[in-house]
Amino acid sequence: MDLNERLEICLLALANRYPRHIVDINEDVLGPQPLGATGWTARDMIELLRIDHPTLLDMEADLVINPQETAIYLQTYVAQTPVLYIHCRGKLPDLHGNVAARQQALKLPQTVRR
């Protein structure tokens, strides 16, 4: 599957075509992510990007899903390096929750077990 569209459309297409999927952010490209870079769904990724990087959602992107790779590239941002890594076949990594769940987890006090 190859799709050249806005990033938001690519993520929606991923969610539609592969209901079981996980999206990870390439922190080498987008920098450290306070809510975590791994374990997102495409729809949760859209929500996160609307908060942290809203202009990215309108950028032209290439969604690539083939036997060699599964990733999303942004043409005008970093064309040779994936911005998002996609897991949509085989054993998937763990889902880590949506934006609200991750924000809540950050607010919880850490307890020390003895």
Foldseek 3Di string as FASTA:
>chain_A
DKDKAFQLVLLVVCCVVFVDKWKFFDCVQVNDDPLHGTQARSVLVQVVCVVVPVVSRGFIKMADDDPVAGAIAGVVRDRPDGRMGMDRDDDYDHHDDHPVVSVVVVVDDDDDDD
